[in-house]
N, C-alpha and C. Protein backbone atom coordinates (compact mmCIF):
# COMPACT_ATOMS: atom_id res chain seq x y z
N MET A 1 -4.21 45.12 24.89
CA MET A 1 -5.34 45.47 24.07
C MET A 1 -5.61 44.34 23.07
N ALA A 2 -6.86 43.93 22.97
CA ALA A 2 -7.24 42.84 22.07
C ALA A 2 -7.08 43.28 20.62
N ARG A 3 -6.62 42.37 19.81
CA ARG A 3 -6.44 42.65 18.40
C ARG A 3 -7.77 42.51 17.68
N ARG A 4 -8.09 43.45 16.82
CA ARG A 4 -9.34 43.42 16.06
C ARG A 4 -9.18 42.50 14.86
N PRO A 5 -10.19 41.68 14.59
CA PRO A 5 -10.09 40.77 13.44
C PRO A 5 -10.10 41.53 12.12
N ASP A 6 -9.41 40.99 11.16
CA ASP A 6 -9.36 41.57 9.82
C ASP A 6 -10.72 41.37 9.17
N PRO A 7 -11.41 42.45 8.78
CA PRO A 7 -12.76 42.31 8.19
C PRO A 7 -12.77 41.50 6.89
N TYR A 8 -11.64 41.41 6.21
CA TYR A 8 -11.58 40.64 4.97
C TYR A 8 -11.45 39.14 5.25
N LEU A 9 -11.08 38.80 6.49
CA LEU A 9 -10.89 37.40 6.83
C LEU A 9 -12.01 36.85 7.72
N THR A 10 -13.01 37.66 8.00
CA THR A 10 -14.12 37.21 8.84
C THR A 10 -15.37 37.06 7.98
N ASP A 11 -16.24 36.17 8.42
CA ASP A 11 -17.46 35.88 7.67
C ASP A 11 -18.57 35.64 8.68
N ALA A 12 -19.51 36.58 8.78
CA ALA A 12 -20.59 36.48 9.76
C ALA A 12 -21.45 35.22 9.55
N GLU A 13 -21.54 34.74 8.32
CA GLU A 13 -22.35 33.57 8.04
C GLU A 13 -21.63 32.26 8.41
N ASN A 14 -20.33 32.34 8.58
CA ASN A 14 -19.53 31.16 8.93
C ASN A 14 -18.57 31.52 10.07
N PRO A 15 -19.10 31.68 11.27
CA PRO A 15 -18.25 32.10 12.39
C PRO A 15 -17.23 31.02 12.76
N GLU A 16 -16.19 31.45 13.44
CA GLU A 16 -15.17 30.53 13.91
C GLU A 16 -15.79 29.53 14.87
N LEU A 17 -15.36 28.28 14.82
CA LEU A 17 -15.90 27.26 15.71
C LEU A 17 -15.42 27.50 17.14
N GLU A 18 -16.34 27.33 18.07
CA GLU A 18 -16.00 27.42 19.49
C GLU A 18 -15.36 26.11 19.91
N ALA A 19 -14.63 26.12 21.01
CA ALA A 19 -13.95 24.92 21.51
C ALA A 19 -14.94 23.79 21.77
N GLU A 20 -16.14 24.13 22.26
CA GLU A 20 -17.15 23.10 22.52
C GLU A 20 -17.56 22.37 21.23
N ALA A 21 -17.75 23.13 20.17
CA ALA A 21 -18.14 22.53 18.89
C ALA A 21 -17.03 21.65 18.35
N ILE A 22 -15.80 22.10 18.50
CA ILE A 22 -14.66 21.30 18.03
C ILE A 22 -14.59 20.00 18.81
N ALA A 23 -14.81 20.08 20.12
CA ALA A 23 -14.76 18.89 20.97
C ALA A 23 -15.84 17.88 20.59
N ARG A 24 -16.99 18.37 20.11
CA ARG A 24 -18.09 17.48 19.71
C ARG A 24 -17.88 16.87 18.33
N GLY A 25 -16.92 17.38 17.59
CA GLY A 25 -16.70 16.92 16.23
C GLY A 25 -16.37 15.43 16.16
N ARG A 26 -16.79 14.81 15.07
CA ARG A 26 -16.53 13.39 14.85
C ARG A 26 -15.86 13.21 13.50
N PRO A 27 -15.07 12.18 13.33
CA PRO A 27 -14.41 11.94 12.05
C PRO A 27 -15.43 11.71 10.93
N ALA A 28 -15.09 12.18 9.74
CA ALA A 28 -15.98 12.03 8.58
C ALA A 28 -16.35 10.57 8.36
N LYS A 29 -15.41 9.67 8.60
CA LYS A 29 -15.66 8.25 8.38
C LYS A 29 -16.83 7.74 9.22
N GLU A 30 -17.04 8.37 10.39
CA GLU A 30 -18.12 7.95 11.29
C GLU A 30 -19.48 8.54 10.92
N VAL A 31 -19.49 9.67 10.23
CA VAL A 31 -20.78 10.35 10.00
C VAL A 31 -21.28 10.34 8.57
N LEU A 32 -20.42 10.05 7.61
CA LEU A 32 -20.87 10.01 6.22
C LEU A 32 -21.62 8.71 5.94
N PRO A 33 -22.58 8.74 5.02
CA PRO A 33 -23.34 7.53 4.66
C PRO A 33 -22.41 6.42 4.16
N GLY A 34 -22.87 5.19 4.34
CA GLY A 34 -22.08 4.01 3.97
C GLY A 34 -21.43 4.11 2.61
N GLY A 35 -20.15 3.88 2.56
CA GLY A 35 -19.41 3.85 1.31
C GLY A 35 -18.97 5.21 0.79
N LEU A 36 -19.59 6.29 1.24
CA LEU A 36 -19.24 7.61 0.71
C LEU A 36 -17.83 8.02 1.12
N TYR A 37 -17.47 7.80 2.37
CA TYR A 37 -16.11 8.16 2.82
C TYR A 37 -15.07 7.43 1.98
N GLU A 38 -15.27 6.14 1.78
CA GLU A 38 -14.32 5.36 0.99
C GLU A 38 -14.27 5.86 -0.45
N ALA A 39 -15.43 6.17 -1.01
CA ALA A 39 -15.47 6.68 -2.40
C ALA A 39 -14.74 8.01 -2.52
N LEU A 40 -14.83 8.84 -1.50
CA LEU A 40 -14.19 10.15 -1.54
C LEU A 40 -12.70 10.09 -1.27
N THR A 41 -12.25 9.07 -0.58
CA THR A 41 -10.85 9.02 -0.18
C THR A 41 -10.02 7.98 -0.91
N GLN A 42 -10.65 7.11 -1.69
CA GLN A 42 -9.86 6.08 -2.37
C GLN A 42 -9.07 6.67 -3.52
N ARG A 43 -7.93 6.12 -3.75
CA ARG A 43 -7.08 6.53 -4.87
C ARG A 43 -7.39 5.64 -6.07
N THR A 44 -7.44 6.24 -7.22
CA THR A 44 -7.71 5.46 -8.43
C THR A 44 -6.41 5.17 -9.16
N ASN A 45 -6.40 4.12 -9.93
CA ASN A 45 -5.24 3.76 -10.75
C ASN A 45 -3.96 3.63 -9.93
N GLU A 46 -4.12 3.27 -8.67
CA GLU A 46 -2.95 3.07 -7.81
C GLU A 46 -2.04 4.28 -7.76
N THR A 47 -2.60 5.48 -7.77
CA THR A 47 -1.77 6.68 -7.67
C THR A 47 -1.32 6.86 -6.23
N VAL A 48 -0.17 7.49 -6.05
CA VAL A 48 0.41 7.72 -4.74
C VAL A 48 0.91 9.16 -4.69
N SER A 49 0.63 9.84 -3.60
CA SER A 49 1.16 11.19 -3.41
C SER A 49 2.61 11.09 -2.94
N VAL A 50 3.47 11.87 -3.59
CA VAL A 50 4.89 11.88 -3.22
C VAL A 50 5.40 13.31 -3.23
N THR A 51 6.53 13.51 -2.59
CA THR A 51 7.25 14.76 -2.69
C THR A 51 8.46 14.46 -3.56
N LEU A 52 8.67 15.28 -4.58
CA LEU A 52 9.70 15.01 -5.55
C LEU A 52 10.47 16.30 -5.84
N ASP A 53 11.79 16.23 -5.76
CA ASP A 53 12.62 17.39 -6.10
C ASP A 53 12.93 17.34 -7.59
N ILE A 54 12.51 18.38 -8.31
CA ILE A 54 12.80 18.48 -9.74
C ILE A 54 13.33 19.87 -10.04
N ASP A 55 13.95 20.01 -11.19
CA ASP A 55 14.46 21.33 -11.58
C ASP A 55 13.30 22.30 -11.76
N ARG A 56 13.51 23.51 -11.33
CA ARG A 56 12.48 24.55 -11.45
C ARG A 56 12.06 24.72 -12.91
N SER A 57 13.02 24.64 -13.83
CA SER A 57 12.70 24.83 -15.24
C SER A 57 11.75 23.75 -15.75
N VAL A 58 11.91 22.52 -15.24
CA VAL A 58 11.02 21.43 -15.65
C VAL A 58 9.61 21.71 -15.16
N LEU A 59 9.49 22.09 -13.89
CA LEU A 59 8.18 22.40 -13.32
C LEU A 59 7.52 23.56 -14.08
N GLU A 60 8.28 24.60 -14.32
CA GLU A 60 7.72 25.77 -15.01
C GLU A 60 7.25 25.42 -16.41
N ARG A 61 7.98 24.52 -17.09
CA ARG A 61 7.58 24.11 -18.44
C ARG A 61 6.24 23.39 -18.42
N PHE A 62 6.05 22.48 -17.47
CA PHE A 62 4.78 21.76 -17.37
C PHE A 62 3.66 22.71 -16.96
N GLN A 63 3.92 23.58 -16.00
CA GLN A 63 2.88 24.50 -15.53
C GLN A 63 2.51 25.52 -16.60
N SER A 64 3.47 25.95 -17.39
CA SER A 64 3.18 26.97 -18.41
C SER A 64 2.30 26.43 -19.53
N ALA A 65 2.21 25.12 -19.65
CA ALA A 65 1.37 24.51 -20.69
C ALA A 65 -0.10 24.51 -20.29
N GLY A 66 -0.41 24.99 -19.09
CA GLY A 66 -1.80 25.12 -18.68
C GLY A 66 -2.23 24.15 -17.61
N PRO A 67 -3.55 24.11 -17.38
CA PRO A 67 -4.10 23.23 -16.35
C PRO A 67 -3.75 21.76 -16.60
N ASN A 68 -3.90 20.96 -15.57
CA ASN A 68 -3.64 19.52 -15.64
C ASN A 68 -2.16 19.19 -15.86
N TRP A 69 -1.28 20.08 -15.40
CA TRP A 69 0.14 19.83 -15.59
C TRP A 69 0.60 18.60 -14.84
N ARG A 70 -0.03 18.29 -13.72
CA ARG A 70 0.37 17.09 -12.97
C ARG A 70 0.10 15.83 -13.78
N GLU A 71 -1.06 15.79 -14.45
CA GLU A 71 -1.39 14.63 -15.27
C GLU A 71 -0.41 14.49 -16.43
N ARG A 72 -0.07 15.62 -17.06
CA ARG A 72 0.89 15.57 -18.17
C ARG A 72 2.27 15.11 -17.69
N MET A 73 2.65 15.59 -16.50
CA MET A 73 3.94 15.17 -15.97
C MET A 73 3.92 13.67 -15.66
N ASN A 74 2.83 13.17 -15.12
CA ASN A 74 2.70 11.75 -14.83
C ASN A 74 2.80 10.93 -16.12
N GLU A 75 2.13 11.40 -17.17
CA GLU A 75 2.19 10.69 -18.46
C GLU A 75 3.62 10.68 -19.00
N ALA A 76 4.34 11.80 -18.89
CA ALA A 76 5.73 11.86 -19.36
C ALA A 76 6.61 10.91 -18.57
N LEU A 77 6.39 10.83 -17.26
CA LEU A 77 7.17 9.91 -16.43
C LEU A 77 6.85 8.45 -16.77
N LYS A 78 5.58 8.16 -17.03
CA LYS A 78 5.21 6.80 -17.44
C LYS A 78 5.92 6.41 -18.73
N LYS A 79 5.87 7.33 -19.71
CA LYS A 79 6.49 7.07 -21.00
C LYS A 79 8.00 6.86 -20.84
N ALA A 80 8.63 7.73 -20.04
CA ALA A 80 10.08 7.64 -19.85
C ALA A 80 10.50 6.36 -19.12
N SER A 81 9.59 5.83 -18.29
CA SER A 81 9.93 4.63 -17.52
C SER A 81 9.49 3.35 -18.25
N GLY A 82 8.93 3.50 -19.46
CA GLY A 82 8.47 2.34 -20.20
C GLY A 82 7.17 1.77 -19.64
N GLY A 83 6.47 2.60 -18.87
CA GLY A 83 5.22 2.16 -18.23
C GLY A 83 4.07 2.11 -19.19
N ARG A 84 2.94 1.73 -18.65
CA ARG A 84 1.72 1.54 -19.43
C ARG A 84 1.26 2.75 -20.12
């Protein structure tokens, strides 16, 4: 018996893509106007995404201070490392 979709997870205005549509898809870099892809994907200030193991208490302290906790953590790490 086929499983019925969850009505809370379906959206009639945005149906699931069919295999044919997926096969026709092209990379954003090929279809966006000149320079837009680069502008949307470039990293500023030489930032790099990393995975870092830290104590839960440290993470909770930064997160409990509100939004932008990643920026505050980056600033604290810069200061601790004698960075700019």
